[in-house]
Amino acid sequence: MTGICFLAMMGGLFVLGLMPQPKDKQLALAAQCGGGVLFATGLLGLAWTLAPPLA
């Protein structure tokens, strides 16, 4: 599970930083939002996986 979260974070960073953005502003904003959501999901999943069980 940790590997999947790490891959999601790396995918989000790729979309945010390395992927060329389209010229259309709305499409570029949608791509950036998608990358941000992917990164945040990976980060939250990583925190959830590494946190000790509460029960």
Protein backbone atom coordinates (compact mmCIF):
# COMPACT_ATOMS: atom_id res chain seq x y z
CA MET A 1 0.00 0.00 0.00
CA THR A 2 2.88 2.35 0.76
CA GLY A 3 4.25 1.83 -2.74
CA ILE A 4 0.93 2.74 -4.33
CA CYS A 5 0.74 5.93 -2.27
CA PHE A 6 4.32 6.79 -3.20
CA LEU A 7 3.52 6.25 -6.89
CA ALA A 8 0.44 8.48 -6.58
CA MET A 9 2.57 11.23 -5.06
CA MET A 10 5.19 10.92 -7.81
CA GLY A 11 2.47 10.97 -10.47
CA GLY A 12 1.01 14.13 -8.97
CA LEU A 13 4.40 15.81 -8.94
CA PHE A 14 4.96 14.77 -12.55
CA VAL A 15 1.66 16.29 -13.62
CA LEU A 16 2.33 19.48 -11.65
CA GLY A 17 5.95 20.05 -12.61
CA LEU A 18 7.19 18.10 -15.60
CA MET A 19 4.21 17.57 -17.86
CA PRO A 20 3.81 20.31 -20.47
CA GLN A 21 0.66 22.30 -19.86
CA PRO A 22 -1.84 22.93 -22.65
CA LYS A 23 -2.35 26.46 -24.01
CA ASP A 24 -6.03 26.51 -23.03
CA LYS A 25 -6.25 28.06 -19.55
CA GLN A 26 -9.19 25.96 -18.36
CA LEU A 27 -7.55 22.73 -19.53
CA ALA A 28 -4.27 23.72 -17.86
CA LEU A 29 -6.10 24.50 -14.62
CA ALA A 30 -7.89 21.16 -14.78
CA ALA A 31 -4.57 19.36 -15.27
CA GLN A 32 -3.03 21.20 -12.33
CA CYS A 33 -6.03 20.41 -10.13
CA GLY A 34 -5.81 16.76 -11.13
CA GLY A 35 -2.11 16.66 -10.25
CA GLY A 36 -2.76 18.35 -6.92
CA VAL A 37 -5.54 15.91 -6.05
CA LEU A 38 -3.34 12.95 -7.02
CA PHE A 39 -0.47 14.24 -4.87
CA ALA A 40 -2.73 15.01 -1.90
CA THR A 41 -4.38 11.58 -2.13
CA GLY A 42 -0.99 9.88 -2.15
CA LEU A 43 0.19 11.97 0.79
CA LEU A 44 -2.92 11.23 2.85
CA GLY A 45 -2.72 7.54 1.96
CA LEU A 46 0.92 7.45 3.01
CA ALA A 47 0.08 9.09 6.34
CA TRP A 48 -2.82 6.68 6.84
CA THR A 49 -0.60 3.68 6.08
CA LEU A 50 2.22 4.77 8.38
CA ALA A 51 -0.01 5.85 11.27
CA PRO A 52 -0.38 3.28 14.04
CA PRO A 53 -3.76 1.59 14.26
CA LEU A 54 -6.12 3.42 16.57
CA ALA A 55 -8.02 0.38 17.79
